[in-house]
């Protein structure tokens, strides 16, 4: 899907996504596989997805795993409110016990990552 140059594919996709978000009416409604929901919910999901997969990639590549504290705080609030529902829907595995009080560890644990 990303062709021979995954970095370029990511850069192009992220530019298109950023442009779409800049023009989005955040008071709008988005269509999901489970029905309609506020566009802000989709924004929350995207932020959580990007934040957690940043950690996944860093862990897999042996790179530093530090995450943006603001993204973690926002994502943790979303995950606390939705992780059980997402696990029940089969979107993610069940949360694992958190290995501490660090917000990033709590976020990752809620989303089935063992840190």
PDB file of N, CA and C in Angstrom:
ATOM      1  N   UNK A   1       0.802  -1.202   0.000  1.00  0.00           N
ATOM      2  CA  UNK A   1       0.000   0.000   0.000  1.00  0.00           C
ATOM      3  C   UNK A   1       0.846   1.269   0.000  1.00  0.00           C
ATOM      4  N   UNK A   2       2.050   1.182   0.529  1.00  0.00           N
ATOM      5  CA  UNK A   2       2.892   2.371   0.602  1.00  0.00           C
ATOM      6  C   UNK A   2       3.925   2.423  -0.503  1.00  0.00           C
ATOM      7  N   UNK A   3       4.000   1.381  -1.320  1.00  0.00           N
ATOM      8  CA  UNK A   3       4.936   1.379  -2.434  1.00  0.00           C
ATOM      9  C   UNK A   3       6.379   1.239  -1.982  1.00  0.00           C
ATOM     10  N   UNK A   4       7.281   1.680  -2.834  1.00  0.00           N
ATOM     11  CA  UNK A   4       8.707   1.522  -2.586  1.00  0.00           C
ATOM     12  C   UNK A   4       9.256   2.561  -1.610  1.00  0.00           C
ATOM     13  N   UNK A   5       8.484   3.607  -1.332  1.00  0.00           N
ATOM     14  CA  UNK A   5       8.976   4.680  -0.460  1.00  0.00           C
ATOM     15  C   UNK A   5       7.947   4.955   0.649  1.00  0.00           C
ATOM     16  N   UNK A   6       7.968   4.150   1.717  1.00  0.00           N
ATOM     17  CA  UNK A   6       6.954   4.323   2.768  1.00  0.00           C
ATOM     18  C   UNK A   6       7.020   5.675   3.464  1.00  0.00           C
ATOM     19  N   UNK A   7       8.194   6.255   3.588  1.00  0.00           N
ATOM     20  CA  UNK A   7       8.306   7.571   4.240  1.00  0.00           C
ATOM     21  C   UNK A   7       7.586   8.618   3.396  1.00  0.00           C
ATOM     22  N   UNK A   8       7.807   8.594   2.109  1.00  0.00           N
ATOM     23  CA  UNK A   8       7.129   9.551   1.223  1.00  0.00           C
ATOM     24  C   UNK A   8       5.614   9.319   1.253  1.00  0.00           C
ATOM     25  N   UNK A   9       5.193   8.067   1.235  1.00  0.00           N
ATOM     26  CA  UNK A   9       3.756   7.759   1.291  1.00  0.00           C
ATOM     27  C   UNK A   9       3.148   8.314   2.577  1.00  0.00           C
ATOM     28  N   UNK A  10       3.851   8.148   3.715  1.00  0.00           N
ATOM     29  CA  UNK A  10       3.361   8.682   4.988  1.00  0.00           C
ATOM     30  C   UNK A  10       3.282  10.197   4.933  1.00  0.00           C
ATOM     31  N   UNK A  11       4.338  10.843   4.434  1.00  0.00           N
ATOM     32  CA  UNK A  11       4.353  12.304   4.358  1.00  0.00           C
ATOM     33  C   UNK A  11       3.178  12.820   3.531  1.00  0.00           C
ATOM     34  N   UNK A  12       2.921  12.186   2.399  1.00  0.00           N
ATOM     35  CA  UNK A  12       1.815  12.624   1.537  1.00  0.00           C
ATOM     36  C   UNK A  12       0.464  12.378   2.206  1.00  0.00           C
ATOM     37  N   UNK A  13       0.300  11.221   2.808  1.00  0.00           N
ATOM     38  CA  UNK A  13      -0.968  10.916   3.487  1.00  0.00           C
ATOM     39  C   UNK A  13      -1.198  11.859   4.661  1.00  0.00           C
ATOM     40  N   UNK A  14      -0.144  12.150   5.422  1.00  0.00           N
ATOM     41  CA  UNK A  14      -0.315  13.035   6.574  1.00  0.00           C
ATOM     42  C   UNK A  14      -0.646  14.459   6.141  1.00  0.00           C
ATOM     43  N   UNK A  15      -0.091  14.915   5.026  1.00  0.00           N
ATOM     44  CA  UNK A  15      -0.440  16.247   4.509  1.00  0.00           C
ATOM     45  C   UNK A  15      -1.908  16.316   4.110  1.00  0.00           C
ATOM     46  N   UNK A  16      -2.396  15.272   3.448  1.00  0.00           N
ATOM     47  CA  UNK A  16      -3.820  15.248   3.057  1.00  0.00           C
ATOM     48  C   UNK A  16      -4.721  15.193   4.282  1.00  0.00           C
ATOM     49  N   UNK A  17      -4.322  14.411   5.253  1.00  0.00           N
ATOM     50  CA  UNK A  17      -5.113  14.299   6.478  1.00  0.00           C
ATOM     51  C   UNK A  17      -5.152  15.631   7.222  1.00  0.00           C
ATOM     52  N   UNK A  18      -4.006  16.269   7.359  1.00  0.00           N
ATOM     53  CA  UNK A  18      -3.944  17.563   8.044  1.00  0.00           C
ATOM     54  C   UNK A  18      -4.819  18.593   7.343  1.00  0.00           C
ATOM     55  N   UNK A  19      -4.761  18.625   6.025  1.00  0.00           N
ATOM     56  CA  UNK A  19      -5.596  19.568   5.274  1.00  0.00           C
ATOM     57  C   UNK A  19      -7.077  19.291   5.505  1.00  0.00           C
ATOM     58  N   UNK A  20      -7.453  18.020   5.534  1.00  0.00           N
ATOM     59  CA  UNK A  20      -8.858  17.663   5.767  1.00  0.00           C
ATOM     60  C   UNK A  20      -9.295  18.072   7.168  1.00  0.00           C
ATOM     61  N   UNK A  21      -8.453  17.843   8.171  1.00  0.00           N
ATOM     62  CA  UNK A  21      -8.806  18.216   9.530  1.00  0.00           C
ATOM     63  C   UNK A  21      -8.885  19.725   9.704  1.00  0.00           C
ATOM     64  N   UNK A  22      -8.000  20.463   9.031  1.00  0.00           N
ATOM     65  CA  UNK A  22      -8.048  21.932   9.128  1.00  0.00           C
ATOM     66  C   UNK A  22      -9.353  22.486   8.592  1.00  0.00           C
ATOM     67  N   UNK A  23      -9.940  21.822   7.621  1.00  0.00           N
ATOM     68  CA  UNK A  23     -11.191  22.286   7.040  1.00  0.00           C
ATOM     69  C   UNK A  23     -12.427  21.635   7.623  1.00  0.00           C
ATOM     70  N   UNK A  24     -12.261  20.784   8.613  1.00  0.00           N
ATOM     71  CA  UNK A  24     -13.391  20.027   9.159  1.00  0.00           C
ATOM     72  C   UNK A  24     -14.236  20.859  10.113  1.00  0.00           C
ATOM     73  N   UNK A  25     -15.524  20.632  10.058  1.00  0.00           N
ATOM     74  CA  UNK A  25     -16.461  21.215  11.016  1.00  0.00           C
ATOM     75  C   UNK A  25     -16.570  20.233  12.178  1.00  0.00           C
ATOM     76  N   UNK A  26     -15.870  20.522  13.276  1.00  0.00           N
ATOM     77  CA  UNK A  26     -15.809  19.584  14.391  1.00  0.00           C
ATOM     78  C   UNK A  26     -17.131  19.418  15.122  1.00  0.00           C
ATOM     79  N   UNK A  27     -18.113  20.222  14.772  1.00  0.00           N
ATOM     80  CA  UNK A  27     -19.435  20.015  15.363  1.00  0.00           C
ATOM     81  C   UNK A  27     -20.237  18.999  14.555  1.00  0.00           C
ATOM     82  N   UNK A  28     -19.637  18.483  13.492  1.00  0.00           N
ATOM     83  CA  UNK A  28     -20.317  17.551  12.597  1.00  0.00           C
ATOM     84  C   UNK A  28     -20.364  16.124  13.119  1.00  0.00           C
ATOM     85  N   UNK A  29     -20.967  15.292  12.313  1.00  0.00           N
ATOM     86  CA  UNK A  29     -21.160  13.876  12.617  1.00  0.00           C
ATOM     87  C   UNK A  29     -20.375  13.057  11.601  1.00  0.00           C
ATOM     88  N   UNK A  30     -19.773  11.961  12.066  1.00  0.00           N
ATOM     89  CA  UNK A  30     -19.036  11.055  11.180  1.00  0.00           C
ATOM     90  C   UNK A  30     -19.754   9.708  11.136  1.00  0.00           C
ATOM     91  N   UNK A  31     -19.609   9.004  10.028  1.00  0.00           N
ATOM     92  CA  UNK A  31     -20.188   7.674   9.876  1.00  0.00           C
ATOM     93  C   UNK A  31     -19.121   6.633  10.202  1.00  0.00           C
ATOM     94  N   UNK A  32     -19.402   5.784  11.169  1.00  0.00           N
ATOM     95  CA  UNK A  32     -18.500   4.719  11.593  1.00  0.00           C
ATOM     96  C   UNK A  32     -19.102   3.372  11.230  1.00  0.00           C
ATOM     97  N   UNK A  33     -18.329   2.308  11.380  1.00  0.00           N
ATOM     98  CA  UNK A  33     -18.844   0.968  11.132  1.00  0.00           C
ATOM     99  C   UNK A  33     -19.977   0.626  12.094  1.00  0.00           C
ATOM    100  N   UNK A  34     -19.982   1.254  13.272  1.00  0.00           N
ATOM    101  CA  UNK A  34     -21.010   0.984  14.276  1.00  0.00           C
ATOM    102  C   UNK A  34     -22.145   2.013  14.255  1.00  0.00           C
ATOM    103  N   UNK A  35     -22.097   2.961  13.341  1.00  0.00           N
ATOM    104  CA  UNK A  35     -23.139   3.984  13.246  1.00  0.00           C
ATOM    105  C   UNK A  35     -22.542   5.380  13.244  1.00  0.00           C
ATOM    106  N   UNK A  36     -23.371   6.361  13.527  1.00  0.00           N
ATOM    107  CA  UNK A  36     -22.924   7.748  13.529  1.00  0.00           C
ATOM    108  C   UNK A  36     -22.425   8.162  14.909  1.00  0.00           C
ATOM    109  N   UNK A  37     -21.471   9.097  14.901  1.00  0.00           N
ATOM    110  CA  UNK A  37     -20.929   9.638  16.148  1.00  0.00           C
ATOM    111  C   UNK A  37     -20.337  11.007  15.847  1.00  0.00           C
ATOM    112  N   UNK A  38     -20.130  11.823  16.876  1.00  0.00           N
ATOM    113  CA  UNK A  38     -19.530  13.139  16.666  1.00  0.00           C
ATOM    114  C   UNK A  38     -18.148  13.031  16.014  1.00  0.00           C
ATOM    115  N   UNK A  39     -17.836  13.978  15.160  1.00  0.00           N
ATOM    116  CA  UNK A  39     -16.534  14.006  14.510  1.00  0.00           C
ATOM    117  C   UNK A  39     -15.413  14.123  15.540  1.00  0.00           C
ATOM    118  N   UNK A  40     -15.689  14.765  16.655  1.00  0.00           N
ATOM    119  CA  UNK A  40     -14.685  14.870  17.709  1.00  0.00           C
ATOM    120  C   UNK A  40     -14.302  13.488  18.236  1.00  0.00           C
ATOM    121  N   UNK A  41     -15.247  12.550  18.229  1.00  0.00           N
ATOM    122  CA  UNK A  41     -14.943  11.188  18.658  1.00  0.00           C
ATOM    123  C   UNK A  41     -13.940  10.549  17.692  1.00  0.00           C
ATOM    124  N   UNK A  42     -14.121  10.807  16.410  1.00  0.00           N
ATOM    125  CA  UNK A  42     -13.189  10.283  15.418  1.00  0.00           C
ATOM    126  C   UNK A  42     -11.805  10.904  15.615  1.00  0.00           C
ATOM    127  N   UNK A  43     -11.762  12.183  15.911  1.00  0.00           N
ATOM    128  CA  UNK A  43     -10.484  12.856  16.162  1.00  0.00           C
ATOM    129  C   UNK A  43      -9.791  12.218  17.365  1.00  0.00           C
ATOM    130  N   UNK A  44     -10.554  11.933  18.413  1.00  0.00           N
ATOM    131  CA  UNK A  44      -9.988  11.261  19.587  1.00  0.00           C
ATOM    132  C   UNK A  44      -9.423   9.896  19.208  1.00  0.00           C
ATOM    133  N   UNK A  45     -10.170   9.142  18.419  1.00  0.00           N
ATOM    134  CA  UNK A  45      -9.722   7.814  18.013  1.00  0.00           C
ATOM    135  C   UNK A  45      -8.437   7.885  17.191  1.00  0.00           C
ATOM    136  N   UNK A  46      -8.371   8.846  16.288  1.00  0.00           N
ATOM    137  CA  UNK A  46      -7.175   9.000  15.458  1.00  0.00           C
ATOM    138  C   UNK A  46      -5.968   9.341  16.331  1.00  0.00           C
ATOM    139  N   UNK A  47      -6.146  10.259  17.282  1.00  0.00           N
ATOM    140  CA  UNK A  47      -5.043  10.638  18.157  1.00  0.00           C
ATOM    141  C   UNK A  47      -4.558   9.444  18.967  1.00  0.00           C
ATOM    142  N   UNK A  48      -5.486   8.692  19.538  1.00  0.00           N
ATOM    143  CA  UNK A  48      -5.113   7.508  20.315  1.00  0.00           C
ATOM    144  C   UNK A  48      -4.388   6.508  19.415  1.00  0.00           C
ATOM    145  N   UNK A  49      -4.923   6.268  18.242  1.00  0.00           N
ATOM    146  CA  UNK A  49      -4.331   5.320  17.305  1.00  0.00           C
ATOM    147  C   UNK A  49      -2.899   5.715  16.940  1.00  0.00           C
ATOM    148  N   UNK A  50      -2.711   6.967  16.573  1.00  0.00           N
ATOM    149  CA  UNK A  50      -1.374   7.432  16.193  1.00  0.00           C
ATOM    150  C   UNK A  50      -0.403   7.375  17.375  1.00  0.00           C
ATOM    151  N   UNK A  51      -0.878   7.741  18.547  1.00  0.00           N
ATOM    152  CA  UNK A  51      -0.014   7.744  19.728  1.00  0.00           C
ATOM    153  C   UNK A  51       0.421   6.335  20.101  1.00  0.00           C
ATOM    154  N   UNK A  52      -0.524   5.420  20.142  1.00  0.00           N
ATOM    155  CA  UNK A  52      -0.200   4.050  20.540  1.00  0.00           C
ATOM    156  C   UNK A  52       0.646   3.351  19.475  1.00  0.00           C
ATOM    157  N   UNK A  53       0.338   3.579  18.213  1.00  0.00           N
ATOM    158  CA  UNK A  53       1.138   2.938  17.172  1.00  0.00           C
ATOM    159  C   UNK A  53       2.530   3.561  17.061  1.00  0.00           C
ATOM    160  N   UNK A  54       2.673   4.824  17.485  1.00  0.00           N
ATOM    161  CA  UNK A  54       4.017   5.401  17.579  1.00  0.00           C
ATOM    162  C   UNK A  54       4.839   4.580  18.561  1.00  0.00           C
ATOM    163  N   UNK A  55       4.223   4.241  19.696  1.00  0.00           N
ATOM    164  CA  UNK A  55       4.908   3.419  20.697  1.00  0.00           C
ATOM    165  C   UNK A  55       5.186   2.024  20.140  1.00  0.00           C
ATOM    166  N   UNK A  56       4.200   1.429  19.460  1.00  0.00           N
ATOM    167  CA  UNK A  56       4.386   0.099  18.873  1.00  0.00           C
ATOM    168  C   UNK A  56       5.608   0.077  17.952  1.00  0.00           C
ATOM    169  N   UNK A  57       5.690   1.071  17.079  1.00  0.00           N
ATOM    170  CA  UNK A  57       6.805   1.130  16.130  1.00  0.00           C
ATOM    171  C   UNK A  57       8.130   1.351  16.844  1.00  0.00           C
ATOM    172  N   UNK A  58       8.136   2.263  17.813  1.00  0.00           N
ATOM    173  CA  UNK A  58       9.368   2.514  18.562  1.00  0.00           C
ATOM    174  C   UNK A  58       9.816   1.252  19.283  1.00  0.00           C
ATOM    175  N   UNK A  59       8.888   0.563  19.917  1.00  0.00           N
ATOM    176  CA  UNK A  59       9.217  -0.671  20.640  1.00  0.00           C
ATOM    177  C   UNK A  59       9.754  -1.713  19.665  1.00  0.00           C
ATOM    178  N   UNK A  60       9.102  -1.870  18.533  1.00  0.00           N
ATOM    179  CA  UNK A  60       9.512  -2.867  17.553  1.00  0.00           C
ATOM    180  C   UNK A  60      10.858  -2.581  16.915  1.00  0.00           C
ATOM    181  N   UNK A  61      11.207  -1.298  16.814  1.00  0.00           N
ATOM    182  CA  UNK A  61      12.468  -0.904  16.169  1.00  0.00           C
ATOM    183  C   UNK A  61      13.588  -0.656  17.165  1.00  0.00           C
ATOM    184  N   UNK A  62      13.268  -0.777  18.444  1.00  0.00           N
ATOM    185  CA  UNK A  62      14.292  -0.509  19.450  1.00  0.00           C
ATOM    186  C   UNK A  62      14.629   0.960  19.598  1.00  0.00           C
ATOM    187  N   UNK A  63      13.699   1.831  19.246  1.00  0.00           N
ATOM    188  CA  UNK A  63      13.909   3.285  19.330  1.00  0.00           C
ATOM    189  C   UNK A  63      13.344   3.803  20.654  1.00  0.00           C
ATOM    190  N   UNK A  64      13.662   5.040  21.026  1.00  0.00           N
ATOM    191  CA  UNK A  64      13.088   5.623  22.246  1.00  0.00           C
ATOM    192  C   UNK A  64      11.550   5.611  22.191  1.00  0.00           C
ATOM    193  N   UNK A  65      10.954   5.266  23.321  1.00  0.00           N
ATOM    194  CA  UNK A  65       9.505   5.070  23.370  1.00  0.00           C
ATOM    195  C   UNK A  65       8.753   6.232  24.009  1.00  0.00           C
ATOM    196  N   UNK A  66       9.398   7.372  24.193  1.00  0.00           N
ATOM    197  CA  UNK A  66       8.748   8.520  24.812  1.00  0.00           C
ATOM    198  C   UNK A  66       7.617   9.027  23.917  1.00  0.00           C
ATOM    199  N   UNK A  67       6.482   9.315  24.537  1.00  0.00           N
ATOM    200  CA  UNK A  67       5.306   9.812  23.815  1.00  0.00           C
ATOM    201  C   UNK A  67       4.998  11.238  24.256  1.00  0.00           C
ATOM    202  N   UNK A  68       4.343  11.983  23.389  1.00  0.00           N
ATOM    203  CA  UNK A  68       3.954  13.357  23.689  1.00  0.00           C
ATOM    204  C   UNK A  68       3.008  13.359  24.899  1.00  0.00           C
ATOM    205  N   UNK A  69       3.368  14.065  25.969  1.00  0.00           N
ATOM    206  CA  UNK A  69       2.539  14.052  27.179  1.00  0.00           C
ATOM    207  C   UNK A  69       1.106  14.548  26.954  1.00  0.00           C
ATOM    208  N   UNK A  70       0.929  15.550  26.112  1.00  0.00           N
ATOM    209  CA  UNK A  70      -0.434  16.054  25.860  1.00  0.00           C
ATOM    210  C   UNK A  70      -1.262  15.009  25.111  1.00  0.00           C
ATOM    211  N   UNK A  71      -0.653  14.340  24.145  1.00  0.00           N
ATOM    212  CA  UNK A  71      -1.367  13.286  23.411  1.00  0.00           C
ATOM    213  C   UNK A  71      -1.702  12.134  24.343  1.00  0.00           C
ATOM    214  N   UNK A  72      -0.783  11.795  25.228  1.00  0.00           N
ATOM    215  CA  UNK A  72      -1.025  10.717  26.191  1.00  0.00           C
ATOM    216  C   UNK A  72      -2.169  11.096  27.129  1.00  0.00           C
ATOM    217  N   UNK A  73      -2.157  12.311  27.660  1.00  0.00           N
ATOM    218  CA  UNK A  73      -3.212  12.736  28.588  1.00  0.00           C
ATOM    219  C   UNK A  73      -4.580  12.695  27.922  1.00  0.00           C
ATOM    220  N   UNK A  74      -4.658  13.214  26.715  1.00  0.00           N
ATOM    221  CA  UNK A  74      -5.934  13.208  25.993  1.00  0.00           C
ATOM    222  C   UNK A  74      -6.344  11.779  25.658  1.00  0.00           C
ATOM    223  N   UNK A  75      -5.387  10.995  25.180  1.00  0.00           N
ATOM    224  CA  UNK A  75      -5.673   9.610  24.830  1.00  0.00           C
ATOM    225  C   UNK A  75      -6.074   8.775  26.027  1.00  0.00           C
ATOM    226  N   UNK A  76      -5.452   9.020  27.166  1.00  0.00           N
ATOM    227  CA  UNK A  76      -5.784   8.274  28.377  1.00  0.00           C
ATOM    228  C   UNK A  76      -7.216   8.551  28.813  1.00  0.00           C
ATOM    229  N   UNK A  77      -7.634   9.793  28.748  1.00  0.00           N
ATOM    230  CA  UNK A  77      -9.025  10.117  29.099  1.00  0.00           C
ATOM    231  C   UNK A  77      -9.983   9.380  28.169  1.00  0.00           C
ATOM    232  N   UNK A  78      -9.679   9.359  26.874  1.00  0.00           N
ATOM    233  CA  UNK A  78     -10.527   8.645  25.910  1.00  0.00           C
ATOM    234  C   UNK A  78     -10.504   7.141  26.184  1.00  0.00           C
ATOM    235  N   UNK A  79      -9.322   6.596  26.411  1.00  0.00           N
ATOM    236  CA  UNK A  79      -9.200   5.150  26.630  1.00  0.00           C
ATOM    237  C   UNK A  79      -9.913   4.723  27.905  1.00  0.00           C
ATOM    238  N   UNK A  80      -9.803   5.513  28.948  1.00  0.00           N
ATOM    239  CA  UNK A  80     -10.500   5.164  30.196  1.00  0.00           C
ATOM    240  C   UNK A  80     -12.004   5.068  29.971  1.00  0.00           C
ATOM    241  N   UNK A  81     -12.519   5.943  29.149  1.00  0.00           N
ATOM    242  CA  UNK A  81     -13.959   5.960  28.890  1.00  0.00           C
ATOM    243  C   UNK A  81     -14.400   4.901  27.880  1.00  0.00           C
ATOM    244  N   UNK A  82     -13.473   4.395  27.057  1.00  0.00           N
ATOM    245  CA  UNK A  82     -13.891   3.556  25.935  1.00  0.00           C
ATOM    246  C   UNK A  82     -13.188   2.215  25.779  1.00  0.00           C
ATOM    247  N   UNK A  83     -12.138   1.929  26.522  1.00  0.00           N
ATOM    248  CA  UNK A  83     -11.357   0.700  26.305  1.00  0.00           C
ATOM    249  C   UNK A  83     -12.200  -0.558  26.476  1.00  0.00           C
ATOM    250  N   UNK A  84     -13.027  -0.598  27.499  1.00  0.00           N
ATOM    251  CA  UNK A  84     -13.845  -1.792  27.727  1.00  0.00           C
ATOM    252  C   UNK A  84     -14.812  -2.020  26.564  1.00  0.00           C
ATOM    253  N   UNK A  85     -15.434  -0.960  26.090  1.00  0.00           N
ATOM    254  CA  UNK A  85     -16.354  -1.070  24.954  1.00  0.00           C
ATOM    255  C   UNK A  85     -15.616  -1.521  23.704  1.00  0.00           C
ATOM    256  N   UNK A  86     -14.420  -0.974  23.479  1.00  0.00           N
ATOM    257  CA  UNK A  86     -13.643  -1.362  22.298  1.00  0.00           C
ATOM    258  C   UNK A  86     -13.220  -2.830  22.386  1.00  0.00           C
ATOM    259  N   UNK A  87     -12.868  -3.287  23.577  1.00  0.00           N
ATOM    260  CA  UNK A  87     -12.499  -4.695  23.756  1.00  0.00           C
ATOM    261  C   UNK A  87     -13.713  -5.582  23.526  1.00  0.00           C
ATOM    262  N   UNK A  88     -14.876  -5.175  24.039  1.00  0.00           N
ATOM    263  CA  UNK A  88     -16.106  -5.953  23.850  1.00  0.00           C
ATOM    264  C   UNK A  88     -16.479  -6.065  22.374  1.00  0.00           C
ATOM    265  N   UNK A  89     -16.160  -5.027  21.590  1.00  0.00           N
ATOM    266  CA  UNK A  89     -16.445  -5.046  20.149  1.00  0.00           C
ATOM    267  C   UNK A  89     -15.380  -5.810  19.364  1.00  0.00           C
ATOM    268  N   UNK A  90     -14.296  -6.190  20.020  1.00  0.00           N
ATOM    269  CA  UNK A  90     -13.213  -6.902  19.350  1.00  0.00           C
ATOM    270  C   UNK A  90     -12.249  -5.988  18.610  1.00  0.00           C
ATOM    271  N   UNK A  91     -12.348  -4.683  18.858  1.00  0.00           N
ATOM    272  CA  UNK A  91     -11.462  -3.723  18.206  1.00  0.00           C
ATOM    273  C   UNK A  91     -10.053  -3.831  18.778  1.00  0.00           C
ATOM    274  N   UNK A  92      -9.968  -4.061  20.076  1.00  0.00           N
ATOM    275  CA  UNK A  92      -8.688  -4.247  20.758  1.00  0.00           C
ATOM    276  C   UNK A  92      -8.828  -5.435  21.693  1.00  0.00           C
ATOM    277  N   UNK A  93      -7.719  -5.941  22.168  1.00  0.00           N
ATOM    278  CA  UNK A  93      -7.737  -6.983  23.185  1.00  0.00           C
ATOM    279  C   UNK A  93      -8.094  -6.338  24.532  1.00  0.00           C
ATOM    280  N   UNK A  94      -8.380  -7.172  25.495  1.00  0.00           N
ATOM    281  CA  UNK A  94      -8.724  -6.677  26.827  1.00  0.00           C
ATOM    282  C   UNK A  94      -7.535  -5.951  27.442  1.00  0.00           C
ATOM    283  N   UNK A  95      -7.794  -4.943  28.267  1.00  0.00           N
ATOM    284  CA  UNK A  95      -6.708  -4.242  28.946  1.00  0.00           C
ATOM    285  C   UNK A  95      -5.851  -5.213  29.760  1.00  0.00           C
ATOM    286  N   UNK A  96      -4.589  -4.862  29.938  1.00  0.00           N
ATOM    287  CA  UNK A  96      -3.681  -5.634  30.781  1.00  0.00           C
ATOM    288  C   UNK A  96      -3.386  -4.809  32.029  1.00  0.00           C
ATOM    289  N   UNK A  97      -2.988  -5.449  33.112  1.00  0.00           N
ATOM    290  CA  UNK A  97      -2.676  -4.674  34.320  1.00  0.00           C
ATOM    291  C   UNK A  97      -1.563  -3.659  34.049  1.00  0.00           C
ATOM    292  N   UNK A  98      -1.777  -2.446  34.518  1.00  0.00           N
ATOM    293  CA  UNK A  98      -0.776  -1.388  34.343  1.00  0.00           C
ATOM    294  C   UNK A  98       0.392  -1.646  35.282  1.00  0.00           C
ATOM    295  N   UNK A  99       1.585  -1.425  34.783  1.00  0.00           N
ATOM    296  CA  UNK A  99       2.781  -1.641  35.577  1.00  0.00           C
ATOM    297  C   UNK A  99       3.244  -0.395  36.303  1.00  0.00           C
ATOM    298  N   UNK A 100       2.345   0.508  36.613  1.00  0.00           N
ATOM    299  CA  UNK A 100       2.738   1.719  37.320  1.00  0.00           C
ATOM    300  C   UNK A 100       1.714   2.821  37.136  1.00  0.00           C
ATOM    301  N   UNK A 101       2.066   4.006  37.607  1.00  0.00           N
ATOM    302  CA  UNK A 101       1.141   5.130  37.556  1.00  0.00           C
ATOM    303  C   UNK A 101       1.455   6.103  36.424  1.00  0.00           C
ATOM    304  N   UNK A 102       2.519   5.849  35.676  1.00  0.00           N
ATOM    305  CA  UNK A 102       2.865   6.715  34.555  1.00  0.00           C
ATOM    306  C   UNK A 102       1.694   6.744  33.563  1.00  0.00           C
ATOM    307  N   UNK A 103       1.238   7.934  33.148  1.00  0.00           N
ATOM    308  CA  UNK A 103       0.093   8.008  32.235  1.00  0.00           C
ATOM    309  C   UNK A 103       0.299   7.235  30.926  1.00  0.00           C
ATOM    310  N   UNK A 104       1.505   7.248  30.371  1.00  0.00           N
ATOM    311  CA  UNK A 104       1.749   6.503  29.129  1.00  0.00           C
ATOM    312  C   UNK A 104       1.592   5.008  29.360  1.00  0.00           C
ATOM    313  N   UNK A 105       2.094   4.522  30.480  1.00  0.00           N
ATOM    314  CA  UNK A 105       1.958   3.101  30.817  1.00  0.00           C
ATOM    315  C   UNK A 105       0.478   2.753  30.999  1.00  0.00           C
ATOM    316  N   UNK A 106      -0.261   3.628  31.657  1.00  0.00           N
ATOM    317  CA  UNK A 106      -1.685   3.381  31.858  1.00  0.00           C
ATOM    318  C   UNK A 106      -2.421   3.343  30.510  1.00  0.00           C
ATOM    319  N   UNK A 107      -2.108   4.282  29.617  1.00  0.00           N
ATOM    320  CA  UNK A 107      -2.739   4.302  28.295  1.00  0.00           C
ATOM    321  C   UNK A 107      -2.432   3.012  27.534  1.00  0.00           C
ATOM    322  N   UNK A 108      -1.165   2.664  27.486  1.00  0.00           N
ATOM    323  CA  UNK A 108      -0.757   1.468  26.746  1.00  0.00           C
ATOM    324  C   UNK A 108      -1.380   0.211  27.340  1.00  0.00           C
ATOM    325  N   UNK A 109      -1.455   0.137  28.661  1.00  0.00           N
ATOM    326  CA  UNK A 109      -2.058  -1.026  29.318  1.00  0.00           C
ATOM    327  C   UNK A 109      -3.543  -1.126  29.009  1.00  0.00           C
ATOM    328  N   UNK A 110      -4.233   0.002  29.018  1.00  0.00           N
ATOM    329  CA  UNK A 110      -5.661  -0.011  28.681  1.00  0.00           C
ATOM    330  C   UNK A 110      -5.894  -0.515  27.263  1.00  0.00           C
ATOM    331  N   UNK A 111      -4.897  -0.290  26.398  1.00  0.00           N
ATOM    332  CA  UNK A 111      -5.026  -0.703  25.013  1.00  0.00           C
ATOM    333  C   UNK A 111      -4.233  -1.975  24.722  1.00  0.00           C
ATOM    334  N   UNK A 112      -4.118  -2.809  25.770  1.00  0.00           N
ATOM    335  CA  UNK A 112      -3.627  -4.181  25.671  1.00  0.00           C
ATOM    336  C   UNK A 112      -2.131  -4.307  25.385  1.00  0.00           C
ATOM    337  N   UNK A 113      -1.367  -3.276  25.703  1.00  0.00           N
ATOM    338  CA  UNK A 113       0.085  -3.371  25.537  1.00  0.00           C
ATOM    339  C   UNK A 113       0.722  -3.670  26.881  1.00  0.00           C
ATOM    340  N   UNK A 114       1.671  -4.580  26.889  1.00  0.00           N
ATOM    341  CA  UNK A 114       2.448  -4.866  28.072  1.00  0.00           C
ATOM    342  C   UNK A 114       3.741  -4.065  27.976  1.00  0.00           C
ATOM    343  N   UNK A 115       3.927  -3.179  28.932  1.00  0.00           N
ATOM    344  CA  UNK A 115       5.076  -2.280  28.902  1.00  0.00           C
ATOM    345  C   UNK A 115       6.184  -2.833  29.774  1.00  0.00           C
TER     346      UNK A 115
END
